[in-house]
Amino acid sequence: MAILPPNFQKDAVPTPSGWRHPRTNELLVSRKITSDQIDEFYGVKPTVAMLKESPTTMEEAKAELIVDDTLPSELGSMTKIELEAVGREHGVELDRRKNKADLIQELKEVL
């Protein structure tokens, strides 16, 4: 249903609360106007509904995981704190009280 401005104010502006004066914003005619009616009044075409991405399965999520670039050969040049951070990225909590060689060994078992 097309909407038309009131006869006494042809340049009135449609709002959700009704027709308003273009300069003073005074409410001229109080009535509910939907956003679709306002869009139609201004000649705005309705947008196409956006497609939503389907839910990801566990297998797809595992396949999409980014592979860490940390190679076991690079582990020797890292500090204990860096080794601990790499372990956390892979779901392993390392105990920094152990020596560095033991930490590297634990990480190699996971990687």
N, C-alpha and C. Protein backbone atom coordinates (compact mmCIF):
# COMPACT_ATOMS: atom_id res chain seq x y z
N MET A 1 0.84 -1.17 0.00
CA MET A 1 0.00 0.00 0.00
C MET A 1 0.89 1.24 0.00
N ALA A 2 0.75 2.03 -1.02
CA ALA A 2 1.56 3.24 -1.16
C ALA A 2 1.09 4.30 -0.18
N ILE A 3 2.04 5.03 0.34
CA ILE A 3 1.71 6.12 1.27
C ILE A 3 1.86 7.45 0.53
N LEU A 4 1.06 8.41 0.91
CA LEU A 4 1.11 9.74 0.31
C LEU A 4 1.18 10.77 1.42
N PRO A 5 1.93 11.86 1.19
CA PRO A 5 2.02 12.92 2.22
C PRO A 5 0.67 13.62 2.35
N PRO A 6 0.45 14.30 3.46
CA PRO A 6 -0.82 15.02 3.64
C PRO A 6 -0.96 16.13 2.59
N ASN A 7 -2.20 16.42 2.22
CA ASN A 7 -2.47 17.42 1.16
C ASN A 7 -1.96 18.80 1.53
N PHE A 8 -1.95 19.16 2.80
CA PHE A 8 -1.54 20.50 3.20
C PHE A 8 -0.03 20.67 3.29
N GLN A 9 0.74 19.57 3.19
CA GLN A 9 2.21 19.65 3.26
C GLN A 9 2.78 18.57 2.34
N LYS A 10 2.83 18.89 1.03
CA LYS A 10 3.24 17.89 0.04
C LYS A 10 4.71 17.45 0.20
N ASP A 11 5.54 18.25 0.85
CA ASP A 11 6.95 17.88 1.01
C ASP A 11 7.22 17.26 2.39
N ALA A 12 6.18 16.77 3.06
CA ALA A 12 6.33 16.15 4.38
C ALA A 12 7.20 14.89 4.25
N VAL A 13 7.85 14.56 5.35
CA VAL A 13 8.79 13.43 5.39
C VAL A 13 8.17 12.28 6.18
N PRO A 14 8.16 11.07 5.60
CA PRO A 14 7.60 9.93 6.34
C PRO A 14 8.60 9.41 7.38
N THR A 15 8.11 9.12 8.57
CA THR A 15 8.91 8.51 9.64
C THR A 15 8.08 7.39 10.25
N PRO A 16 8.68 6.52 11.04
CA PRO A 16 7.90 5.45 11.67
C PRO A 16 6.75 5.96 12.55
N SER A 17 6.87 7.18 13.07
CA SER A 17 5.81 7.72 13.93
C SER A 17 4.76 8.52 13.16
N GLY A 18 5.00 8.81 11.87
CA GLY A 18 4.05 9.56 11.06
C GLY A 18 4.76 10.53 10.13
N TRP A 19 3.98 11.49 9.61
CA TRP A 19 4.52 12.49 8.69
C TRP A 19 5.04 13.68 9.47
N ARG A 20 6.26 14.14 9.11
CA ARG A 20 6.89 15.26 9.80
C ARG A 20 7.21 16.37 8.80
N HIS A 21 7.25 17.61 9.34
CA HIS A 21 7.61 18.78 8.54
C HIS A 21 9.09 18.65 8.16
N PRO A 22 9.47 18.94 6.91
CA PRO A 22 10.85 18.73 6.47
C PRO A 22 11.89 19.63 7.15
N ARG A 23 11.50 20.82 7.60
CA ARG A 23 12.48 21.73 8.21
C ARG A 23 12.38 21.77 9.73
N THR A 24 11.20 21.76 10.27
CA THR A 24 11.04 21.90 11.72
C THR A 24 10.93 20.56 12.44
N ASN A 25 10.73 19.50 11.69
CA ASN A 25 10.58 18.15 12.24
C ASN A 25 9.33 18.01 13.11
N GLU A 26 8.39 18.95 12.95
CA GLU A 26 7.13 18.90 13.69
C GLU A 26 6.28 17.74 13.16
N LEU A 27 5.68 16.98 14.08
CA LEU A 27 4.82 15.88 13.68
C LEU A 27 3.51 16.46 13.14
N LEU A 28 3.26 16.21 11.85
CA LEU A 28 2.07 16.75 11.19
C LEU A 28 0.89 15.79 11.27
N VAL A 29 1.15 14.52 10.97
CA VAL A 29 0.11 13.50 11.01
C VAL A 29 0.67 12.30 11.75
N SER A 30 0.04 11.93 12.83
CA SER A 30 0.51 10.81 13.63
C SER A 30 -0.12 9.52 13.11
N ARG A 31 0.72 8.62 12.60
CA ARG A 31 0.27 7.30 12.18
C ARG A 31 1.49 6.42 12.00
N LYS A 32 1.32 5.15 12.17
CA LYS A 32 2.44 4.23 12.02
C LYS A 32 2.72 4.01 10.54
N ILE A 33 3.98 4.15 10.20
CA ILE A 33 4.43 3.90 8.83
C ILE A 33 5.57 2.90 8.92
N THR A 34 5.47 1.80 8.20
CA THR A 34 6.50 0.77 8.26
C THR A 34 7.73 1.19 7.46
N SER A 35 8.83 0.56 7.74
CA SER A 35 10.06 0.88 7.00
C SER A 35 9.93 0.46 5.55
N ASP A 36 9.17 -0.59 5.28
CA ASP A 36 8.94 -0.99 3.89
C ASP A 36 8.17 0.09 3.13
N GLN A 37 7.18 0.70 3.78
CA GLN A 37 6.42 1.77 3.15
C GLN A 37 7.30 3.00 2.92
N ILE A 38 8.18 3.29 3.87
CA ILE A 38 9.09 4.43 3.72
C ILE A 38 10.06 4.17 2.57
N ASP A 39 10.58 2.95 2.49
CA ASP A 39 11.48 2.59 1.38
C ASP A 39 10.76 2.71 0.05
N GLU A 40 9.51 2.25 -0.01
CA GLU A 40 8.74 2.34 -1.25
C GLU A 40 8.50 3.81 -1.62
N PHE A 41 8.23 4.66 -0.64
CA PHE A 41 8.00 6.09 -0.88
C PHE A 41 9.23 6.73 -1.52
N TYR A 42 10.43 6.37 -1.04
CA TYR A 42 11.67 6.93 -1.57
C TYR A 42 12.19 6.17 -2.79
N GLY A 43 11.54 5.09 -3.16
CA GLY A 43 11.95 4.32 -4.34
C GLY A 43 13.11 3.38 -4.09
N VAL A 44 13.32 3.02 -2.84
CA VAL A 44 14.39 2.09 -2.50
C VAL A 44 13.90 0.67 -2.78
N LYS A 45 14.70 -0.08 -3.53
CA LYS A 45 14.31 -1.45 -3.84
C LYS A 45 14.68 -2.35 -2.67
N PRO A 46 13.83 -3.34 -2.39
CA PRO A 46 14.15 -4.26 -1.29
C PRO A 46 15.42 -5.04 -1.58
N THR A 47 16.18 -5.28 -0.54
CA THR A 47 17.43 -6.02 -0.70
C THR A 47 17.14 -7.51 -0.71
N VAL A 48 18.01 -8.23 -1.38
CA VAL A 48 17.87 -9.68 -1.44
C VAL A 48 18.34 -10.26 -0.12
N ALA A 49 17.65 -11.24 0.38
CA ALA A 49 18.02 -11.86 1.65
C ALA A 49 19.42 -12.47 1.55
N MET A 50 20.20 -12.26 2.58
CA MET A 50 21.56 -12.80 2.60
C MET A 50 21.52 -14.28 2.95
N LEU A 51 22.33 -15.05 2.25
CA LEU A 51 22.43 -16.46 2.57
C LEU A 51 23.34 -16.63 3.78
N LYS A 52 22.96 -17.53 4.65
CA LYS A 52 23.77 -17.81 5.83
C LYS A 52 24.59 -19.06 5.57
N GLU A 53 25.79 -19.07 6.13
CA GLU A 53 26.65 -20.23 5.98
C GLU A 53 26.13 -21.36 6.84
N SER A 54 26.17 -22.54 6.29
CA SER A 54 25.69 -23.69 7.04
C SER A 54 26.63 -23.98 8.20
N PRO A 55 26.12 -24.60 9.25
CA PRO A 55 26.98 -24.91 10.40
C PRO A 55 28.13 -25.82 10.00
N THR A 56 29.26 -25.59 10.60
CA THR A 56 30.45 -26.38 10.31
C THR A 56 30.45 -27.63 11.17
N THR A 57 30.74 -28.76 10.55
CA THR A 57 30.84 -30.00 11.30
C THR A 57 32.21 -30.08 11.95
N MET A 58 32.37 -31.00 12.88
CA MET A 58 33.65 -31.15 13.57
C MET A 58 34.75 -31.53 12.59
N GLU A 59 34.43 -32.38 11.61
CA GLU A 59 35.44 -32.79 10.62
C GLU A 59 35.89 -31.59 9.78
N GLU A 60 34.93 -30.74 9.38
CA GLU A 60 35.29 -29.56 8.61
C GLU A 60 36.14 -28.60 9.43
N ALA A 61 35.81 -28.48 10.70
CA ALA A 61 36.57 -27.59 11.57
C ALA A 61 38.01 -28.07 11.71
N LYS A 62 38.18 -29.37 11.86
CA LYS A 62 39.54 -29.92 11.97
C LYS A 62 40.32 -29.70 10.69
N ALA A 63 39.64 -29.83 9.54
CA ALA A 63 40.30 -29.65 8.25
C ALA A 63 40.71 -28.20 8.03
N GLU A 64 39.96 -27.26 8.63
CA GLU A 64 40.23 -25.84 8.44
C GLU A 64 41.28 -25.29 9.39
N LEU A 65 41.69 -26.07 10.37
CA LEU A 65 42.67 -25.58 11.34
C LEU A 65 43.95 -25.18 10.63
N ILE A 66 44.48 -24.08 11.06
CA ILE A 66 45.72 -23.59 10.47
C ILE A 66 46.87 -24.39 11.07
N VAL A 67 47.69 -24.92 10.20
CA VAL A 67 48.84 -25.71 10.65
C VAL A 67 49.92 -24.76 11.14
N ASP A 68 50.44 -25.03 12.31
CA ASP A 68 51.49 -24.19 12.89
C ASP A 68 52.78 -24.37 12.09
N ASP A 69 53.45 -23.25 11.81
CA ASP A 69 54.69 -23.30 11.04
C ASP A 69 55.88 -23.72 11.88
N THR A 70 55.69 -23.93 13.17
CA THR A 70 56.80 -24.28 14.05
C THR A 70 57.23 -25.71 13.78
N LEU A 71 58.42 -25.87 13.31
CA LEU A 71 58.96 -27.21 13.06
C LEU A 71 59.73 -27.67 14.29
N PRO A 72 59.79 -28.98 14.51
CA PRO A 72 60.55 -29.47 15.66
C PRO A 72 62.01 -29.00 15.66
N SER A 73 62.59 -28.76 14.48
CA SER A 73 63.98 -28.30 14.43
C SER A 73 64.12 -26.88 14.97
N GLU A 74 63.05 -26.09 14.92
CA GLU A 74 63.10 -24.72 15.41
C GLU A 74 62.92 -24.65 16.92
N LEU A 75 62.46 -25.72 17.54
CA LEU A 75 62.17 -25.70 18.96
C LEU A 75 63.42 -25.47 19.81
N GLY A 76 64.57 -25.93 19.34
CA GLY A 76 65.81 -25.79 20.10
C GLY A 76 66.24 -24.35 20.29
N SER A 77 65.85 -23.47 19.37
CA SER A 77 66.26 -22.07 19.47
C SER A 77 65.27 -21.22 20.28
N MET A 78 64.19 -21.84 20.77
CA MET A 78 63.18 -21.11 21.53
C MET A 78 63.50 -21.13 23.01
N THR A 79 62.94 -20.11 23.72
CA THR A 79 63.06 -20.09 25.18
C THR A 79 61.97 -20.97 25.78
N LYS A 80 62.05 -21.21 27.08
CA LYS A 80 61.04 -22.02 27.76
C LYS A 80 59.66 -21.36 27.65
N ILE A 81 59.64 -20.04 27.75
CA ILE A 81 58.36 -19.32 27.67
C ILE A 81 57.76 -19.48 26.27
N GLU A 82 58.59 -19.38 25.23
CA GLU A 82 58.10 -19.56 23.87
C GLU A 82 57.63 -21.00 23.65
N LEU A 83 58.35 -21.96 24.22
CA LEU A 83 57.94 -23.36 24.12
C LEU A 83 56.58 -23.58 24.79
N GLU A 84 56.41 -22.93 25.93
CA GLU A 84 55.14 -23.05 26.65
C GLU A 84 53.99 -22.48 25.80
N ALA A 85 54.24 -21.36 25.11
CA ALA A 85 53.21 -20.74 24.26
C ALA A 85 52.85 -21.66 23.09
N VAL A 86 53.85 -22.29 22.49
CA VAL A 86 53.59 -23.23 21.39
C VAL A 86 52.79 -24.41 21.91
N GLY A 87 53.13 -24.90 23.09
CA GLY A 87 52.38 -26.00 23.68
C GLY A 87 50.92 -25.64 23.91
N ARG A 88 50.67 -24.44 24.40
CA ARG A 88 49.28 -24.02 24.63
C ARG A 88 48.50 -23.94 23.34
N GLU A 89 49.16 -23.52 22.25
CA GLU A 89 48.49 -23.46 20.95
C GLU A 89 48.03 -24.85 20.50
N HIS A 90 48.73 -25.86 20.96
CA HIS A 90 48.41 -27.25 20.59
C HIS A 90 47.69 -27.99 21.70
N GLY A 91 47.25 -27.27 22.72
CA GLY A 91 46.46 -27.88 23.78
C GLY A 91 47.26 -28.63 24.83
N VAL A 92 48.53 -28.30 24.96
CA VAL A 92 49.40 -28.96 25.95
C VAL A 92 49.90 -27.92 26.93
N GLU A 93 49.77 -28.21 28.21
CA GLU A 93 50.29 -27.32 29.24
C GLU A 93 51.64 -27.86 29.70
N LEU A 94 52.70 -27.11 29.42
CA LEU A 94 54.05 -27.54 29.78
C LEU A 94 54.44 -26.95 31.13
N ASP A 95 55.23 -27.70 31.86
CA ASP A 95 55.72 -27.27 33.16
C ASP A 95 57.11 -26.68 32.98
N ARG A 96 57.25 -25.36 33.12
CA ARG A 96 58.54 -24.72 32.88
C ARG A 96 59.58 -25.05 33.94
N ARG A 97 59.18 -25.74 35.00
CA ARG A 97 60.17 -26.14 36.00
C ARG A 97 61.06 -27.26 35.47
N LYS A 98 60.59 -27.95 34.43
CA LYS A 98 61.40 -29.01 33.81
C LYS A 98 62.47 -28.36 32.95
N ASN A 99 63.48 -29.16 32.59
CA ASN A 99 64.53 -28.59 31.75
C ASN A 99 64.04 -28.47 30.30
N LYS A 100 64.75 -27.69 29.53
CA LYS A 100 64.35 -27.36 28.17
C LYS A 100 64.26 -28.60 27.29
N ALA A 101 65.17 -29.54 27.45
CA ALA A 101 65.17 -30.75 26.63
C ALA A 101 63.89 -31.56 26.86
N ASP A 102 63.42 -31.63 28.12
CA ASP A 102 62.18 -32.36 28.41
C ASP A 102 60.97 -31.65 27.78
N LEU A 103 60.97 -30.33 27.83
CA LEU A 103 59.87 -29.57 27.22
C LEU A 103 59.81 -29.81 25.71
N ILE A 104 60.99 -29.79 25.07
CA ILE A 104 61.05 -30.03 23.63
C ILE A 104 60.55 -31.42 23.30
N GLN A 105 60.94 -32.39 24.13
CA GLN A 105 60.51 -33.78 23.89
C GLN A 105 58.98 -33.89 23.98
N GLU A 106 58.39 -33.25 24.96
CA GLU A 106 56.93 -33.28 25.11
C GLU A 106 56.25 -32.65 23.90
N LEU A 107 56.81 -31.54 23.41
CA LEU A 107 56.23 -30.88 22.25
C LEU A 107 56.36 -31.74 20.99
N LYS A 108 57.49 -32.42 20.83
CA LYS A 108 57.68 -33.27 19.64
C LYS A 108 56.67 -34.40 19.62
N GLU A 109 56.30 -34.90 20.80
CA GLU A 109 55.30 -35.98 20.87
C GLU A 109 53.93 -35.47 20.39
N VAL A 110 53.64 -34.20 20.64
CA VAL A 110 52.36 -33.63 20.24
C VAL A 110 52.36 -33.23 18.77
N LEU A 111 53.45 -32.63 18.34
CA LEU A 111 53.54 -32.17 16.94
C LEU A 111 53.78 -33.37 16.10
